[in-house]
PDB file of N, CA and C in Angstrom:
ATOM      1  N   MET A   1      59.922 233.295 119.174  1.00  0.00           N
ATOM      2  CA  MET A   1      60.846 232.261 118.750  1.00  0.00           C
ATOM      3  C   MET A   1      61.865 232.051 119.857  1.00  0.00           C
ATOM      4  N   SER A   2      62.200 230.793 120.078  1.00  0.00           N
ATOM      5  CA  SER A   2      63.127 230.486 121.169  1.00  0.00           C
ATOM      6  C   SER A   2      64.558 230.881 120.806  1.00  0.00           C
ATOM      7  N   LYS A   3      65.343 231.109 121.832  1.00  0.00           N
ATOM      8  CA  LYS A   3      66.755 231.454 121.627  1.00  0.00           C
ATOM      9  C   LYS A   3      67.482 230.316 120.905  1.00  0.00           C
ATOM     10  N   GLU A   4      67.110 229.077 121.226  1.00  0.00           N
ATOM     11  CA  GLU A   4      67.725 227.914 120.571  1.00  0.00           C
ATOM     12  C   GLU A   4      67.461 227.937 119.060  1.00  0.00           C
ATOM     13  N   ASN A   5      66.221 228.233 118.671  1.00  0.00           N
ATOM     14  CA  ASN A   5      65.896 228.304 117.246  1.00  0.00           C
ATOM     15  C   ASN A   5      66.621 229.454 116.560  1.00  0.00           C
ATOM     16  N   ILE A   6      66.714 230.577 117.238  1.00  0.00           N
ATOM     17  CA  ILE A   6      67.432 231.724 116.675  1.00  0.00           C
ATOM     18  C   ILE A   6      68.894 231.360 116.446  1.00  0.00           C
ATOM     19  N   ASN A   7      69.503 230.656 117.392  1.00  0.00           N
ATOM     20  CA  ASN A   7      70.899 230.236 117.244  1.00  0.00           C
ATOM     21  C   ASN A   7      71.072 229.267 116.079  1.00  0.00           C
ATOM     22  N   LYS A   8      70.133 228.332 115.907  1.00  0.00           N
ATOM     23  CA  LYS A   8      70.202 227.384 114.791  1.00  0.00           C
ATOM     24  C   LYS A   8      70.092 228.105 113.450  1.00  0.00           C
ATOM     25  N   ILE A   9      69.186 229.055 113.372  1.00  0.00           N
ATOM     26  CA  ILE A   9      69.013 229.832 112.142  1.00  0.00           C
ATOM     27  C   ILE A   9      70.262 230.645 111.853  1.00  0.00           C
ATOM     28  N   SER A  10      70.811 231.267 112.876  1.00  0.00           N
ATOM     29  CA  SER A  10      72.026 232.068 112.717  1.00  0.00           C
ATOM     30  C   SER A  10      73.192 231.216 112.216  1.00  0.00           C
ATOM     31  N   LYS A  11      73.341 230.021 112.760  1.00  0.00           N
ATOM     32  CA  LYS A  11      74.413 229.118 112.318  1.00  0.00           C
ATOM     33  C   LYS A  11      74.214 228.700 110.866  1.00  0.00           C
ATOM     34  N   ALA A  12      72.965 228.437 110.482  1.00  0.00           N
ATOM     35  CA  ALA A  12      72.682 228.054 109.098  1.00  0.00           C
ATOM     36  C   ALA A  12      73.004 229.197 108.140  1.00  0.00           C
ATOM     37  N   ILE A  13      72.657 230.418 108.522  1.00  0.00           N
ATOM     38  CA  ILE A  13      72.960 231.582 107.684  1.00  0.00           C
ATOM     39  C   ILE A  13      74.466 231.768 107.565  1.00  0.00           C
ATOM     40  N   ASP A  14      75.180 231.636 108.665  1.00  0.00           N
ATOM     41  CA  ASP A  14      76.646 231.757 108.633  1.00  0.00           C
ATOM     42  C   ASP A  14      77.266 230.699 107.728  1.00  0.00           C
ATOM     43  N   LEU A  15      76.792 229.469 107.833  1.00  0.00           N
ATOM     44  CA  LEU A  15      77.321 228.390 107.004  1.00  0.00           C
ATOM     45  C   LEU A  15      77.015 228.650 105.533  1.00  0.00           C
ATOM     46  N   TYR A  16      75.799 229.127 105.241  1.00  0.00           N
ATOM     47  CA  TYR A  16      75.437 229.466 103.861  1.00  0.00           C
ATOM     48  C   TYR A  16      76.374 230.542 103.316  1.00  0.00           C
ATOM     49  N   PHE A  17      76.568 231.616 104.068  1.00  0.00           N
ATOM     50  CA  PHE A  17      77.442 232.702 103.620  1.00  0.00           C
ATOM     51  C   PHE A  17      78.851 232.179 103.374  1.00  0.00           C
ATOM     52  N   ASP A  18      79.383 231.418 104.321  1.00  0.00           N
ATOM     53  CA  ASP A  18      80.734 230.869 104.167  1.00  0.00           C
ATOM     54  C   ASP A  18      80.828 229.974 102.939  1.00  0.00           C
ATOM     55  N   SER A  19      79.815 229.144 102.712  1.00  0.00           N
ATOM     56  CA  SER A  19      79.854 228.227 101.566  1.00  0.00           C
ATOM     57  C   SER A  19      79.889 228.985 100.248  1.00  0.00           C
ATOM     58  N   MET A  20      79.148 230.079 100.164  1.00  0.00           N
ATOM     59  CA  MET A  20      79.139 230.876  98.933  1.00  0.00           C
ATOM     60  C   MET A  20      80.433 231.683  98.802  1.00  0.00           C
ATOM     61  N   TYR A  21      80.881 232.280  99.881  1.00  0.00           N
ATOM     62  CA  TYR A  21      82.093 233.102  99.854  1.00  0.00           C
ATOM     63  C   TYR A  21      83.317 232.263  99.487  1.00  0.00           C
ATOM     64  N   GLU A  22      83.367 231.047 100.021  1.00  0.00           N
ATOM     65  CA  GLU A  22      84.516 230.168  99.792  1.00  0.00           C
ATOM     66  C   GLU A  22      84.346 229.280  98.559  1.00  0.00           C
ATOM     67  N   SER A  23      83.163 229.337  97.932  1.00  0.00           N
ATOM     68  CA  SER A  23      82.829 228.417  96.827  1.00  0.00           C
ATOM     69  C   SER A  23      83.135 226.979  97.239  1.00  0.00           C
ATOM     70  N   ASN A  24      82.630 226.622  98.417  1.00  0.00           N
ATOM     71  CA  ASN A  24      82.925 225.326  99.013  1.00  0.00           C
ATOM     72  C   ASN A  24      81.722 224.387  98.851  1.00  0.00           C
ATOM     73  N   PRO A  25      81.793 223.437  97.902  1.00  0.00           N
ATOM     74  CA  PRO A  25      80.636 222.563  97.659  1.00  0.00           C
ATOM     75  C   PRO A  25      80.262 221.690  98.854  1.00  0.00           C
ATOM     76  N   ASP A  26      81.223 221.322  99.683  1.00  0.00           N
ATOM     77  CA  ASP A  26      80.900 220.511 100.861  1.00  0.00           C
ATOM     78  C   ASP A  26      80.038 221.291 101.845  1.00  0.00           C
ATOM     79  N   LYS A  27      80.356 222.563 102.037  1.00  0.00           N
ATOM     80  CA  LYS A  27      79.548 223.397 102.936  1.00  0.00           C
ATOM     81  C   LYS A  27      78.175 223.668 102.331  1.00  0.00           C
ATOM     82  N   VAL A  28      78.122 223.837 100.999  1.00  0.00           N
ATOM     83  CA  VAL A  28      76.830 224.044 100.335  1.00  0.00           C
ATOM     84  C   VAL A  28      75.937 222.833 100.598  1.00  0.00           C
ATOM     85  N   LYS A  29      76.484 221.636 100.427  1.00  0.00           N
ATOM     86  CA  LYS A  29      75.711 220.408 100.656  1.00  0.00           C
ATOM     87  C   LYS A  29      75.266 220.298 102.113  1.00  0.00           C
ATOM     88  N   GLU A  30      76.081 220.790 103.019  1.00  0.00           N
ATOM     89  CA  GLU A  30      75.752 220.717 104.445  1.00  0.00           C
ATOM     90  C   GLU A  30      74.586 221.630 104.812  1.00  0.00           C
ATOM     91  N   VAL A  31      74.524 222.796 104.178  1.00  0.00           N
ATOM     92  CA  VAL A  31      73.517 223.785 104.567  1.00  0.00           C
ATOM     93  C   VAL A  31      72.181 223.600 103.826  1.00  0.00           C
ATOM     94  N   PHE A  32      72.202 222.988 102.645  1.00  0.00           N
ATOM     95  CA  PHE A  32      70.973 222.818 101.871  1.00  0.00           C
ATOM     96  C   PHE A  32      70.422 221.404 102.015  1.00  0.00           C
ATOM     97  N   HIS A  33      69.126 221.288 101.919  1.00  0.00           N
ATOM     98  CA  HIS A  33      68.470 219.985 101.889  1.00  0.00           C
ATOM     99  C   HIS A  33      68.970 219.222 100.668  1.00  0.00           C
ATOM    100  N   LYS A  34      69.051 217.902 100.760  1.00  0.00           N
ATOM    101  CA  LYS A  34      69.611 217.085  99.672  1.00  0.00           C
ATOM    102  C   LYS A  34      68.820 217.215  98.373  1.00  0.00           C
ATOM    103  N   ASP A  35      67.544 217.587  98.442  1.00  0.00           N
ATOM    104  CA  ASP A  35      66.726 217.743  97.240  1.00  0.00           C
ATOM    105  C   ASP A  35      66.645 219.190  96.758  1.00  0.00           C
ATOM    106  N   ALA A  36      67.327 220.095  97.433  1.00  0.00           N
ATOM    107  CA  ALA A  36      67.299 221.509  97.034  1.00  0.00           C
ATOM    108  C   ALA A  36      68.043 221.693  95.715  1.00  0.00           C
ATOM    109  N   ARG A  37      67.619 222.689  94.948  1.00  0.00           N
ATOM    110  CA  ARG A  37      68.272 223.031  93.689  1.00  0.00           C
ATOM    111  C   ARG A  37      68.633 224.511  93.722  1.00  0.00           C
ATOM    112  N   ILE A  38      69.835 224.804  93.266  1.00  0.00           N
ATOM    113  CA  ILE A  38      70.288 226.189  93.181  1.00  0.00           C
ATOM    114  C   ILE A  38      70.386 226.538  91.707  1.00  0.00           C
ATOM    115  N   THR A  39      69.759 227.634  91.313  1.00  0.00           N
ATOM    116  CA  THR A  39      69.838 228.078  89.928  1.00  0.00           C
ATOM    117  C   THR A  39      70.337 229.511  89.895  1.00  0.00           C
ATOM    118  N   GLY A  40      70.885 229.866  88.764  1.00  0.00           N
ATOM    119  CA  GLY A  40      71.368 231.225  88.593  1.00  0.00           C
ATOM    120  C   GLY A  40      72.069 231.351  87.259  1.00  0.00           C
ATOM    121  N   TYR A  41      72.679 232.482  87.052  1.00  0.00           N
ATOM    122  CA  TYR A  41      73.374 232.741  85.803  1.00  0.00           C
ATOM    123  C   TYR A  41      74.877 232.659  86.008  1.00  0.00           C
ATOM    124  N   MET A  42      75.547 232.011  85.054  1.00  0.00           N
ATOM    125  CA  MET A  42      76.998 231.947  85.047  1.00  0.00           C
ATOM    126  C   MET A  42      77.452 232.218  83.623  1.00  0.00           C
ATOM    127  N   GLN A  43      78.233 233.258  83.462  1.00  0.00           N
ATOM    128  CA  GLN A  43      78.726 233.673  82.154  1.00  0.00           C
ATOM    129  C   GLN A  43      77.574 233.884  81.178  1.00  0.00           C
ATOM    130  N   GLY A  44      76.496 234.498  81.681  1.00  0.00           N
ATOM    131  CA  GLY A  44      75.355 234.854  80.851  1.00  0.00           C
ATOM    132  C   GLY A  44      74.395 233.721  80.547  1.00  0.00           C
ATOM    133  N   LYS A  45      74.630 232.537  81.094  1.00  0.00           N
ATOM    134  CA  LYS A  45      73.754 231.397  80.833  1.00  0.00           C
ATOM    135  C   LYS A  45      73.101 230.938  82.130  1.00  0.00           C
ATOM    136  N   LEU A  46      71.804 230.610  82.025  1.00  0.00           N
ATOM    137  CA  LEU A  46      71.073 230.095  83.175  1.00  0.00           C
ATOM    138  C   LEU A  46      71.524 228.670  83.448  1.00  0.00           C
ATOM    139  N   ILE A  47      71.924 228.423  84.694  1.00  0.00           N
ATOM    140  CA  ILE A  47      72.351 227.068  85.054  1.00  0.00           C
ATOM    141  C   ILE A  47      71.455 226.520  86.141  1.00  0.00           C
TER     142      ILE A  47
END
């Protein structure tokens, strides 16, 4: 894998972590594809 691709992946991972840590919806939208869906549990309910 090229160094350029590794850097792009690293930046995407950093942005993902920051978006989750900060609960920042703008960063979440930036890091995920527009058709991506995030699911999980909140207060015991699947969302």
